C-alpha atoms as a PDB file:
ATOM      1  CA  MET A   1     198.974 195.493 163.199  1.00  0.00           C
ATOM      2  CA  ALA A   2     195.431 195.705 161.813  1.00  0.00           C
ATOM      3  CA  ASP A   3     196.780 195.556 158.262  1.00  0.00           C
ATOM      4  CA  ASP A   4     199.017 192.621 159.169  1.00  0.00           C
ATOM      5  CA  LEU A   5     196.066 190.730 160.630  1.00  0.00           C
ATOM      6  CA  THR A   6     194.097 191.411 157.453  1.00  0.00           C
ATOM      7  CA  ARG A   7     196.976 189.846 155.531  1.00  0.00           C
ATOM      8  CA  THR A   8     196.908 186.951 157.988  1.00  0.00           C
ATOM      9  CA  GLU A   9     193.208 186.329 157.293  1.00  0.00           C
ATOM     10  CA  ALA A  10     193.823 186.276 153.568  1.00  0.00           C
ATOM     11  CA  GLU A  11     196.751 183.902 153.955  1.00  0.00           C
ATOM     12  CA  LEU A  12     194.762 181.583 156.225  1.00  0.00           C
ATOM     13  CA  ARG A  13     192.100 181.208 153.561  1.00  0.00           C
ATOM     14  CA  ARG A  14     194.630 180.793 150.782  1.00  0.00           C
ATOM     15  CA  VAL A  15     196.746 178.079 152.361  1.00  0.00           C
ATOM     16  CA  VAL A  16     193.819 175.807 153.213  1.00  0.00           C
ATOM     17  CA  GLU A  17     192.514 175.753 149.642  1.00  0.00           C
ATOM     18  CA  SER A  18     192.304 172.223 148.305  1.00  0.00           C
ATOM     19  CA  ASP A  19     191.607 170.755 144.881  1.00  0.00           C
ATOM     20  CA  ASP A  20     188.525 169.309 146.562  1.00  0.00           C
ATOM     21  CA  PRO A  21     185.963 172.133 147.111  1.00  0.00           C
ATOM     22  CA  PHE A  22     184.311 170.217 149.959  1.00  0.00           C
ATOM     23  CA  LEU A  23     187.574 169.928 151.896  1.00  0.00           C
ATOM     24  CA  THR A  24     188.206 173.628 151.342  1.00  0.00           C
ATOM     25  CA  GLU A  25     184.746 174.444 152.731  1.00  0.00           C
ATOM     26  CA  VAL A  26     185.221 172.288 155.821  1.00  0.00           C
ATOM     27  CA  ALA A  27     188.777 173.528 156.425  1.00  0.00           C
ATOM     28  CA  ARG A  28     187.632 177.151 156.244  1.00  0.00           C
ATOM     29  CA  HIS A  29     184.567 176.697 158.446  1.00  0.00           C
ATOM     30  CA  LEU A  30     186.032 177.969 161.722  1.00  0.00           C
ATOM     31  CA  ILE A  31     188.359 180.410 159.964  1.00  0.00           C
ATOM     32  CA  ASP A  32     185.298 182.043 158.430  1.00  0.00           C
ATOM     33  CA  ALA A  33     183.603 182.064 161.855  1.00  0.00           C
ATOM     34  CA  GLY A  34     186.235 184.569 162.987  1.00  0.00           C
ATOM     35  CA  GLY A  35     188.289 184.686 166.152  1.00  0.00           C
ATOM     36  CA  LYS A  36     190.680 186.973 167.958  1.00  0.00           C
ATOM     37  CA  ARG A  37     193.770 185.566 166.165  1.00  0.00           C
ATOM     38  CA  VAL A  38     195.741 185.947 169.375  1.00  0.00           C
ATOM     39  CA  ARG A  39     198.496 183.603 168.201  1.00  0.00           C
ATOM     40  CA  PRO A  40     199.274 185.286 164.855  1.00  0.00           C
ATOM     41  CA  ALA A  41     199.084 188.682 166.572  1.00  0.00           C
ATOM     42  CA  LEU A  42     201.624 187.515 169.129  1.00  0.00           C
ATOM     43  CA  ALA A  43     203.935 186.246 166.387  1.00  0.00           C
ATOM     44  CA  ILE A  44     203.688 189.593 164.587  1.00  0.00           C
ATOM     45  CA  ALA A  45     204.285 191.645 167.739  1.00  0.00           C
ATOM     46  CA  SER A  46     207.236 189.455 168.766  1.00  0.00           C
ATOM     47  CA  SER A  47     208.857 190.004 165.387  1.00  0.00           C
ATOM     48  CA  MET A  48     208.818 193.775 166.009  1.00  0.00           C
ATOM     49  CA  VAL A  49     209.963 194.036 169.628  1.00  0.00           C
ATOM     50  CA  LEU A  50     213.266 195.639 168.604  1.00  0.00           C
ATOM     51  CA  ASP A  51     211.715 198.068 166.094  1.00  0.00           C
ATOM     52  CA  ARG A  52     211.645 201.687 167.195  1.00  0.00           C
ATOM     53  CA  ASN A  53     208.500 202.435 165.202  1.00  0.00           C
ATOM     54  CA  ALA A  54     205.472 200.390 164.199  1.00  0.00           C
ATOM     55  CA  GLY A  55     206.254 198.600 160.977  1.00  0.00           C
ATOM     56  CA  THR A  56     204.864 195.970 158.662  1.00  0.00           C
ATOM     57  CA  ALA A  57     205.382 192.276 159.246  1.00  0.00           C
ATOM     58  CA  THR A  58     207.391 190.385 156.648  1.00  0.00           C
ATOM     59  CA  PRO A  59     205.666 187.682 154.579  1.00  0.00           C
ATOM     60  CA  ASP A  60     207.564 185.004 156.512  1.00  0.00           C
ATOM     61  CA  VAL A  61     206.335 186.359 159.855  1.00  0.00           C
ATOM     62  CA  ILE A  62     202.771 186.322 158.535  1.00  0.00           C
ATOM     63  CA  ARG A  63     203.224 182.736 157.399  1.00  0.00           C
ATOM     64  CA  GLY A  64     204.729 181.775 160.750  1.00  0.00           C
ATOM     65  CA  GLY A  65     201.684 183.182 162.521  1.00  0.00           C
ATOM     66  CA  VAL A  66     199.405 181.379 160.079  1.00  0.00           C
ATOM     67  CA  ALA A  67     201.153 178.063 160.776  1.00  0.00           C
ATOM     68  CA  VAL A  68     200.545 178.433 164.510  1.00  0.00           C
ATOM     69  CA  GLU A  69     196.920 179.456 163.951  1.00  0.00           C
ATOM     70  CA  LEU A  70     196.339 176.408 161.747  1.00  0.00           C
ATOM     71  CA  VAL A  71     197.627 174.142 164.524  1.00  0.00           C
ATOM     72  CA  HIS A  72     195.195 175.859 166.885  1.00  0.00           C
ATOM     73  CA  GLN A  73     192.320 175.477 164.430  1.00  0.00           C
ATOM     74  CA  GLY A  74     193.126 171.815 163.803  1.00  0.00           C
ATOM     75  CA  SER A  75     193.206 171.134 167.536  1.00  0.00           C
ATOM     76  CA  LEU A  76     189.744 172.711 167.890  1.00  0.00           C
ATOM     77  CA  TYR A  77     188.347 170.363 165.241  1.00  0.00           C
ATOM     78  CA  HIS A  78     189.704 167.392 167.179  1.00  0.00           C
ATOM     79  CA  ASP A  79     188.620 168.793 170.566  1.00  0.00           C
ATOM     80  CA  ASP A  80     185.046 169.217 169.360  1.00  0.00           C
ATOM     81  CA  VAL A  81     184.921 165.603 168.226  1.00  0.00           C
ATOM     82  CA  MET A  82     186.173 164.412 171.619  1.00  0.00           C
ATOM     83  CA  ASP A  83     183.734 166.693 173.463  1.00  0.00           C
ATOM     84  CA  GLU A  84     180.846 166.013 171.055  1.00  0.00           C
ATOM     85  CA  ALA A  85     180.482 169.790 170.914  1.00  0.00           C
ATOM     86  CA  GLU A  86     177.554 171.226 168.986  1.00  0.00           C
ATOM     87  CA  THR A  87     178.780 174.805 168.622  1.00  0.00           C
ATOM     88  CA  ARG A  88     182.021 176.713 168.326  1.00  0.00           C
ATOM     89  CA  ARG A  89     182.301 180.501 167.933  1.00  0.00           C
ATOM     90  CA  ARG A  90     178.511 180.769 167.769  1.00  0.00           C
ATOM     91  CA  VAL A  91     178.274 178.516 164.704  1.00  0.00           C
ATOM     92  CA  GLN A  92     177.792 174.784 164.335  1.00  0.00           C
ATOM     93  CA  SER A  93     180.911 172.808 165.057  1.00  0.00           C
ATOM     94  CA  VAL A  94     182.402 170.934 162.118  1.00  0.00           C
ATOM     95  CA  ASN A  95     181.502 167.566 163.634  1.00  0.00           C
ATOM     96  CA  ALA A  96     177.897 168.658 164.232  1.00  0.00           C
ATOM     97  CA  ARG A  97     177.495 169.948 160.683  1.00  0.00           C
ATOM     98  CA  TRP A  98     179.340 167.304 158.690  1.00  0.00           C
ATOM     99  CA  GLY A  99     180.281 164.461 161.034  1.00  0.00           C
ATOM    100  CA  ASN A 100     183.149 163.199 163.169  1.00  0.00           C
ATOM    101  CA  LEU A 101     185.116 161.597 160.355  1.00  0.00           C
ATOM    102  CA  GLU A 102     185.045 164.778 158.316  1.00  0.00           C
ATOM    103  CA  ALA A 103     186.099 166.856 161.330  1.00  0.00           C
ATOM    104  CA  ILE A 104     189.021 164.556 162.146  1.00  0.00           C
ATOM    105  CA  LEU A 105     190.294 164.509 158.570  1.00  0.00           C
ATOM    106  CA  ALA A 106     189.891 168.273 158.160  1.00  0.00           C
ATOM    107  CA  GLY A 107     191.751 168.811 161.438  1.00  0.00           C
ATOM    108  CA  ASP A 108     194.557 166.578 160.160  1.00  0.00           C
ATOM    109  CA  TYR A 109     194.594 168.572 156.923  1.00  0.00           C
ATOM    110  CA  LEU A 110     195.047 171.843 158.833  1.00  0.00           C
ATOM    111  CA  LEU A 111     197.933 170.358 160.832  1.00  0.00           C
ATOM    112  CA  ALA A 112     199.527 169.157 157.601  1.00  0.00           C
ATOM    113  CA  ARG A 113     199.274 172.610 156.044  1.00  0.00           C
ATOM    114  CA  ALA A 114     200.817 174.129 159.159  1.00  0.00           C
ATOM    115  CA  SER A 115     203.718 171.685 158.995  1.00  0.00           C
ATOM    116  CA  GLU A 116     204.255 172.470 155.324  1.00  0.00           C
ATOM    117  CA  ILE A 117     204.546 176.191 156.075  1.00  0.00           C
ATOM    118  CA  ALA A 118     206.896 175.543 159.002  1.00  0.00           C
ATOM    119  CA  ALA A 119     209.158 173.438 156.773  1.00  0.00           C
ATOM    120  CA  ASP A 120     209.393 176.360 154.336  1.00  0.00           C
ATOM    121  CA  LEU A 121     210.525 178.607 157.210  1.00  0.00           C
ATOM    122  CA  GLY A 122     213.470 176.379 158.120  1.00  0.00           C
ATOM    123  CA  ASN A 123     214.463 173.438 160.269  1.00  0.00           C
ATOM    124  CA  GLN A 124     214.324 175.366 163.537  1.00  0.00           C
ATOM    125  CA  VAL A 125     210.730 176.463 163.021  1.00  0.00           C
ATOM    126  CA  ALA A 126     209.690 173.059 161.694  1.00  0.00           C
ATOM    127  CA  GLY A 127     211.181 171.277 164.691  1.00  0.00           C
ATOM    128  CA  LEU A 128     209.624 173.769 167.104  1.00  0.00           C
ATOM    129  CA  LEU A 129     206.153 173.379 165.619  1.00  0.00           C
ATOM    130  CA  ALA A 130     206.429 169.588 165.638  1.00  0.00           C
ATOM    131  CA  SER A 131     207.436 169.535 169.307  1.00  0.00           C
ATOM    132  CA  THR A 132     204.593 171.927 170.107  1.00  0.00           C
ATOM    133  CA  ILE A 133     202.041 169.642 168.459  1.00  0.00           C
ATOM    134  CA  ALA A 134     203.433 166.843 170.640  1.00  0.00           C
ATOM    135  CA  SER A 135     203.022 169.067 173.721  1.00  0.00           C
ATOM    136  CA  LEU A 136     199.411 169.753 172.764  1.00  0.00           C
ATOM    137  CA  CYS A 137     198.737 166.024 172.563  1.00  0.00           C
ATOM    138  CA  GLU A 138     200.508 165.353 175.863  1.00  0.00           C
ATOM    139  CA  GLY A 139     198.501 168.083 177.601  1.00  0.00           C
ATOM    140  CA  GLN A 140     195.246 166.749 176.208  1.00  0.00           C
ATOM    141  CA  ILE A 141     196.083 163.166 177.171  1.00  0.00           C
ATOM    142  CA  ARG A 142     196.860 164.284 180.726  1.00  0.00           C
ATOM    143  CA  GLU A 143     193.446 165.926 180.825  1.00  0.00           C
ATOM    144  CA  LEU A 144     191.667 162.847 179.471  1.00  0.00           C
ATOM    145  CA  ARG A 145     193.394 160.590 182.004  1.00  0.00           C
ATOM    146  CA  HIS A 146     191.901 162.691 184.795  1.00  0.00           C
ATOM    147  CA  ALA A 147     188.369 162.904 183.387  1.00  0.00           C
ATOM    148  CA  PHE A 148     185.829 162.817 186.262  1.00  0.00           C
ATOM    149  CA  ASP A 149     188.710 162.561 188.744  1.00  0.00           C
ATOM    150  CA  VAL A 150     187.668 164.399 191.919  1.00  0.00           C
ATOM    151  CA  ASP A 151     191.181 163.816 193.257  1.00  0.00           C
ATOM    152  CA  ARG A 152     192.897 165.640 190.422  1.00  0.00           C
ATOM    153  CA  THR A 153     195.735 167.771 191.761  1.00  0.00           C
ATOM    154  CA  GLU A 154     196.622 171.368 191.006  1.00  0.00           C
ATOM    155  CA  GLU A 155     199.983 170.189 189.691  1.00  0.00           C
ATOM    156  CA  SER A 156     198.283 167.847 187.232  1.00  0.00           C
ATOM    157  CA  TYR A 157     195.997 170.636 186.041  1.00  0.00           C
ATOM    158  CA  LEU A 158     198.800 173.176 185.581  1.00  0.00           C
ATOM    159  CA  THR A 159     200.974 170.668 183.712  1.00  0.00           C
ATOM    160  CA  SER A 160     198.073 169.886 181.401  1.00  0.00           C
ATOM    161  CA  ILE A 161     197.311 173.503 180.487  1.00  0.00           C
ATOM    162  CA  ALA A 162     201.007 174.225 179.992  1.00  0.00           C
ATOM    163  CA  GLY A 163     200.922 171.633 177.225  1.00  0.00           C
ATOM    164  CA  LYS A 164     197.519 172.134 175.673  1.00  0.00           C
ATOM    165  CA  THR A 165     197.390 175.954 175.746  1.00  0.00           C
ATOM    166  CA  ALA A 166     200.532 177.765 176.901  1.00  0.00           C
ATOM    167  CA  SER A 167     202.886 175.826 174.619  1.00  0.00           C
ATOM    168  CA  LEU A 168     201.210 177.130 171.467  1.00  0.00           C
ATOM    169  CA  LEU A 169     201.218 180.754 172.617  1.00  0.00           C
ATOM    170  CA  ALA A 170     204.874 180.451 173.603  1.00  0.00           C
ATOM    171  CA  THR A 171     205.605 178.969 170.184  1.00  0.00           C
ATOM    172  CA  ALA A 172     203.746 181.761 168.393  1.00  0.00           C
ATOM    173  CA  ALA A 173     205.944 184.353 170.098  1.00  0.00           C
ATOM    174  CA  ARG A 174     209.097 182.321 169.561  1.00  0.00           C
ATOM    175  CA  ILE A 175     208.458 181.775 165.844  1.00  0.00           C
ATOM    176  CA  GLY A 176     207.863 185.491 165.307  1.00  0.00           C
ATOM    177  CA  ALA A 177     211.163 186.332 166.978  1.00  0.00           C
ATOM    178  CA  ILE A 178     213.115 183.552 165.237  1.00  0.00           C
ATOM    179  CA  VAL A 179     211.851 184.481 161.779  1.00  0.00           C
ATOM    180  CA  ALA A 180     212.703 188.130 162.491  1.00  0.00           C
ATOM    181  CA  GLY A 181     216.271 187.093 163.324  1.00  0.00           C
ATOM    182  CA  HIS A 182     216.299 188.365 166.905  1.00  0.00           C
ATOM    183  CA  PRO A 183     219.140 187.348 169.274  1.00  0.00           C
ATOM    184  CA  ASP A 184     218.609 184.420 171.626  1.00  0.00           C
ATOM    185  CA  ASP A 185     217.940 186.484 174.746  1.00  0.00           C
ATOM    186  CA  ILE A 186     215.121 188.324 172.981  1.00  0.00           C
ATOM    187  CA  VAL A 187     213.705 185.063 171.600  1.00  0.00           C
ATOM    188  CA  ASP A 188     213.712 183.631 175.124  1.00  0.00           C
ATOM    189  CA  ALA A 189     212.068 186.737 176.598  1.00  0.00           C
ATOM    190  CA  VAL A 190     209.116 186.706 174.229  1.00  0.00           C
ATOM    191  CA  THR A 191     208.807 182.935 174.649  1.00  0.00           C
ATOM    192  CA  ASP A 192     208.530 183.405 178.414  1.00  0.00           C
ATOM    193  CA  PHE A 193     205.900 186.062 177.815  1.00  0.00           C
ATOM    194  CA  GLY A 194     203.906 183.720 175.582  1.00  0.00           C
ATOM    195  CA  HIS A 195     204.065 180.860 178.087  1.00  0.00           C
ATOM    196  CA  ASN A 196     202.918 182.899 181.080  1.00  0.00           C
ATOM    197  CA  TYR A 197     200.286 184.740 179.089  1.00  0.00           C
ATOM    198  CA  GLY A 198     199.050 181.364 177.840  1.00  0.00           C
ATOM    199  CA  MET A 199     198.769 179.991 181.379  1.00  0.00           C
ATOM    200  CA  ALA A 200     196.723 183.029 182.400  1.00  0.00           C
ATOM    201  CA  PHE A 201     194.647 182.768 179.223  1.00  0.00           C
ATOM    202  CA  GLN A 202     193.568 179.204 180.049  1.00  0.00           C
ATOM    203  CA  LEU A 203     192.911 180.018 183.700  1.00  0.00           C
ATOM    204  CA  VAL A 204     190.616 182.852 182.649  1.00  0.00           C
ATOM    205  CA  ASP A 205     188.847 180.597 180.173  1.00  0.00           C
ATOM    206  CA  ASP A 206     188.300 177.978 182.866  1.00  0.00           C
ATOM    207  CA  LEU A 207     187.015 180.573 185.314  1.00  0.00           C
ATOM    208  CA  LEU A 208     184.532 181.875 182.767  1.00  0.00           C
ATOM    209  CA  ASP A 209     183.233 178.365 182.132  1.00  0.00           C
ATOM    210  CA  VAL A 210     182.049 178.454 185.748  1.00  0.00           C
ATOM    211  CA  THR A 211     181.050 182.110 186.111  1.00  0.00           C
ATOM    212  CA  ALA A 212     179.814 183.282 182.689  1.00  0.00           C
ATOM    213  CA  THR A 213     176.626 182.608 180.718  1.00  0.00           C
ATOM    214  CA  ASP A 214     176.130 180.750 177.443  1.00  0.00           C
ATOM    215  CA  GLU A 215     175.659 184.076 175.679  1.00  0.00           C
ATOM    216  CA  GLN A 216     178.842 185.569 177.098  1.00  0.00           C
ATOM    217  CA  LEU A 217     180.883 182.513 176.121  1.00  0.00           C
ATOM    218  CA  GLY A 218     179.315 181.772 172.740  1.00  0.00           C
ATOM    219  CA  LYS A 219     179.165 178.116 173.820  1.00  0.00           C
ATOM    220  CA  PRO A 220     177.485 176.152 176.622  1.00  0.00           C
ATOM    221  CA  ALA A 221     178.666 177.307 180.051  1.00  0.00           C
ATOM    222  CA  GLY A 222     179.651 174.636 182.535  1.00  0.00           C
ATOM    223  CA  ASN A 223     180.628 172.247 179.787  1.00  0.00           C
ATOM    224  CA  ASP A 224     183.905 171.359 181.523  1.00  0.00           C
ATOM    225  CA  LEU A 225     181.919 169.932 184.429  1.00  0.00           C
ATOM    226  CA  VAL A 226     179.748 167.912 182.066  1.00  0.00           C
ATOM    227  CA  GLU A 227     182.824 166.548 180.294  1.00  0.00           C
ATOM    228  CA  GLY A 228     184.502 165.695 183.585  1.00  0.00           C
ATOM    229  CA  THR A 229     187.286 168.255 183.126  1.00  0.00           C
ATOM    230  CA  TYR A 230     187.863 169.545 186.633  1.00  0.00           C
ATOM    231  CA  THR A 231     189.758 172.821 186.379  1.00  0.00           C
ATOM    232  CA  LEU A 232     191.507 174.880 189.039  1.00  0.00           C
ATOM    233  CA  PRO A 233     188.404 176.536 190.544  1.00  0.00           C
ATOM    234  CA  VAL A 234     186.777 173.097 190.803  1.00  0.00           C
ATOM    235  CA  ILE A 235     189.888 171.490 192.319  1.00  0.00           C
ATOM    236  CA  ARG A 236     190.136 174.274 194.906  1.00  0.00           C
ATOM    237  CA  THR A 237     186.441 174.125 195.747  1.00  0.00           C
ATOM    238  CA  LEU A 238     186.756 170.376 196.265  1.00  0.00           C
ATOM    239  CA  ALA A 239     189.500 171.105 198.807  1.00  0.00           C
ATOM    240  CA  GLY A 240     187.433 173.751 200.620  1.00  0.00           C
ATOM    241  CA  PRO A 241     184.505 173.915 203.046  1.00  0.00           C
ATOM    242  CA  THR A 242     181.888 172.818 200.491  1.00  0.00           C
ATOM    243  CA  GLY A 243     184.173 170.190 198.982  1.00  0.00           C
ATOM    244  CA  ALA A 244     182.241 167.221 200.349  1.00  0.00           C
ATOM    245  CA  GLU A 245     178.985 168.529 198.905  1.00  0.00           C
ATOM    246  CA  LEU A 246     180.578 169.159 195.523  1.00  0.00           C
ATOM    247  CA  ARG A 247     182.262 165.763 195.556  1.00  0.00           C
ATOM    248  CA  ASP A 248     178.842 164.133 195.944  1.00  0.00           C
ATOM    249  CA  LEU A 249     177.708 165.851 192.726  1.00  0.00           C
ATOM    250  CA  LEU A 250     180.781 165.091 190.638  1.00  0.00           C
ATOM    251  CA  GLY A 251     182.849 162.028 189.772  1.00  0.00           C
ATOM    252  CA  GLY A 252     180.760 160.875 186.813  1.00  0.00           C
ATOM    253  CA  PRO A 253     178.322 162.022 184.093  1.00  0.00           C
ATOM    254  CA  ILE A 254     175.877 164.690 185.268  1.00  0.00           C
ATOM    255  CA  ASP A 255     172.658 166.227 183.986  1.00  0.00           C
ATOM    256  CA  ALA A 256     171.965 169.937 183.488  1.00  0.00           C
ATOM    257  CA  ALA A 257     170.404 170.373 186.930  1.00  0.00           C
ATOM    258  CA  THR A 258     173.415 168.821 188.667  1.00  0.00           C
ATOM    259  CA  ARG A 259     175.761 170.920 186.552  1.00  0.00           C
ATOM    260  CA  ASP A 260     173.970 174.087 187.665  1.00  0.00           C
ATOM    261  CA  ARG A 261     174.065 173.059 191.333  1.00  0.00           C
ATOM    262  CA  ALA A 262     177.789 172.369 191.040  1.00  0.00           C
ATOM    263  CA  ARG A 263     178.418 175.707 189.333  1.00  0.00           C
ATOM    264  CA  ASN A 264     176.561 177.534 192.096  1.00  0.00           C
ATOM    265  CA  LEU A 265     178.708 175.877 194.748  1.00  0.00           C
ATOM    266  CA  ILE A 266     181.907 176.808 192.918  1.00  0.00           C
ATOM    267  CA  ARG A 267     180.813 180.360 192.138  1.00  0.00           C
ATOM    268  CA  THR A 268     180.194 181.098 195.823  1.00  0.00           C
ATOM    269  CA  ASP A 269     183.451 179.555 197.000  1.00  0.00           C
ATOM    270  CA  ALA A 270     186.709 181.373 197.766  1.00  0.00           C
ATOM    271  CA  ALA A 271     188.234 179.248 194.989  1.00  0.00           C
ATOM    272  CA  ILE A 272     187.034 181.804 192.414  1.00  0.00           C
ATOM    273  CA  ALA A 273     188.999 184.650 193.980  1.00  0.00           C
ATOM    274  CA  ALA A 274     191.996 182.378 194.554  1.00  0.00           C
ATOM    275  CA  THR A 275     192.021 181.299 190.911  1.00  0.00           C
ATOM    276  CA  ARG A 276     191.805 184.928 189.807  1.00  0.00           C
ATOM    277  CA  GLU A 277     194.874 185.625 191.929  1.00  0.00           C
ATOM    278  CA  THR A 278     196.734 182.763 190.280  1.00  0.00           C
ATOM    279  CA  ALA A 279     195.869 184.090 186.821  1.00  0.00           C
ATOM    280  CA  MET A 280     196.988 187.577 187.834  1.00  0.00           C
ATOM    281  CA  GLY A 281     200.274 186.112 189.042  1.00  0.00           C
ATOM    282  CA  TYR A 282     200.954 184.604 185.614  1.00  0.00           C
ATOM    283  CA  LEU A 283     200.057 187.929 183.980  1.00  0.00           C
ATOM    284  CA  SER A 284     202.485 189.724 186.285  1.00  0.00           C
ATOM    285  CA  THR A 285     205.239 187.294 185.320  1.00  0.00           C
ATOM    286  CA  ALA A 286     204.378 187.785 181.647  1.00  0.00           C
ATOM    287  CA  ARG A 287     204.757 191.554 182.037  1.00  0.00           C
ATOM    288  CA  SER A 288     208.094 191.067 183.768  1.00  0.00           C
ATOM    289  CA  SER A 289     209.339 189.156 180.724  1.00  0.00           C
ATOM    290  CA  LEU A 290     208.977 192.372 178.730  1.00  0.00           C
ATOM    291  CA  ASP A 291     211.297 194.344 181.020  1.00  0.00           C
ATOM    292  CA  VAL A 292     214.368 193.470 178.945  1.00  0.00           C
ATOM    293  CA  LEU A 293     212.736 194.876 175.800  1.00  0.00           C
ATOM    294  CA  PRO A 294     212.827 198.499 174.629  1.00  0.00           C
ATOM    295  CA  ALA A 295     209.765 200.705 174.853  1.00  0.00           C
ATOM    296  CA  ASN A 296     208.120 200.634 171.444  1.00  0.00           C
ATOM    297  CA  PRO A 297     204.683 200.031 169.884  1.00  0.00           C
ATOM    298  CA  ALA A 298     205.055 196.236 169.683  1.00  0.00           C
ATOM    299  CA  VAL A 299     206.054 195.841 173.325  1.00  0.00           C
ATOM    300  CA  THR A 300     203.260 198.218 174.344  1.00  0.00           C
ATOM    301  CA  ALA A 301     200.790 196.085 172.386  1.00  0.00           C
ATOM    302  CA  MET A 302     201.969 192.948 174.187  1.00  0.00           C
ATOM    303  CA  GLY A 303     201.480 194.651 177.543  1.00  0.00           C
ATOM    304  CA  SER A 304     198.009 195.746 176.431  1.00  0.00           C
ATOM    305  CA  THR A 305     197.005 192.135 175.811  1.00  0.00           C
ATOM    306  CA  CYS A 306     197.640 191.537 179.518  1.00  0.00           C
ATOM    307  CA  ASP A 307     195.328 194.452 180.339  1.00  0.00           C
ATOM    308  CA  LEU A 308     192.609 193.014 178.103  1.00  0.00           C
ATOM    309  CA  LEU A 309     192.896 189.593 179.695  1.00  0.00           C
ATOM    310  CA  LEU A 310     192.843 191.183 183.137  1.00  0.00           C
ATOM    311  CA  GLY A 311     189.582 192.853 182.141  1.00  0.00           C
ATOM    312  CA  ARG A 312     188.041 189.456 181.446  1.00  0.00           C
ATOM    313  CA  LEU A 313     188.845 188.494 185.035  1.00  0.00           C
ATOM    314  CA  GLU A 314     186.266 190.945 186.351  1.00  0.00           C
ATOM    315  CA  PRO A 315     183.378 189.126 188.045  1.00  0.00           C
ATOM    316  CA  THR A 316     180.531 188.397 185.622  1.00  0.00           C
ATOM    317  CA  GLY A 317     177.852 188.002 188.306  1.00  0.00           C
END
């Protein structure tokens, strides 16, 4: 898979080239900053789940993974504008370096390139990617509607992350399997894996925003609290013994000192362990989705991603 991901990196850079050198520079900014490329890797692995031996991904599978990654990248450009983020992946965000208008247009450009690739891969992939972009928007809108809402429910939170995070990971797996020509039951199995892995992925990310440091995250810790995005550990703390105290701190814009007080309350609450359990439940369901697949290197790799994510759930102190 390492060679396939190297091909993915090259293709990512190639497809965002524009006749305008400035647009190319802005579009490549976060690509050049690196990243785990979880979504293309999932597309590649899903394309090989019926292969007895480790193989090489086809050009269409690589392009399918690239299309999904470009949607992810474009959404980050837009997210950083909405959050007024200064950094992303330990570099300046696009909006901080060039401005909001440039970030919005470059994000749109990445989405357009993704759609162009999907159209080349056929109507099924094009329709799937379009519906996934809609799900991302719906998930983000649900989150915005509950900004600074201390009465946000767990159901609202889970529905939001299903749209804004899990849908794209499910789509990455599904595109890989569709392009590889797998039967419907296999396509559905890897899609289920991607969805449940994606739910766990976002839960872990939200836990780390409360428990990790700026250095560990590569971005400001506690930013969700500042932005009024109350995630599952916050929602559960609000419902617990220290909920009244936390409620007094939240519900509107806060300064750094209030953010740190809120984080301390959440970090010492049983909500942290409970949220870990919820994430582990989604990972268990993701693993179960693989039971219908044969034992081979691709399926083993997918199971290993669950182990890696589980490792991130270890307390950070």
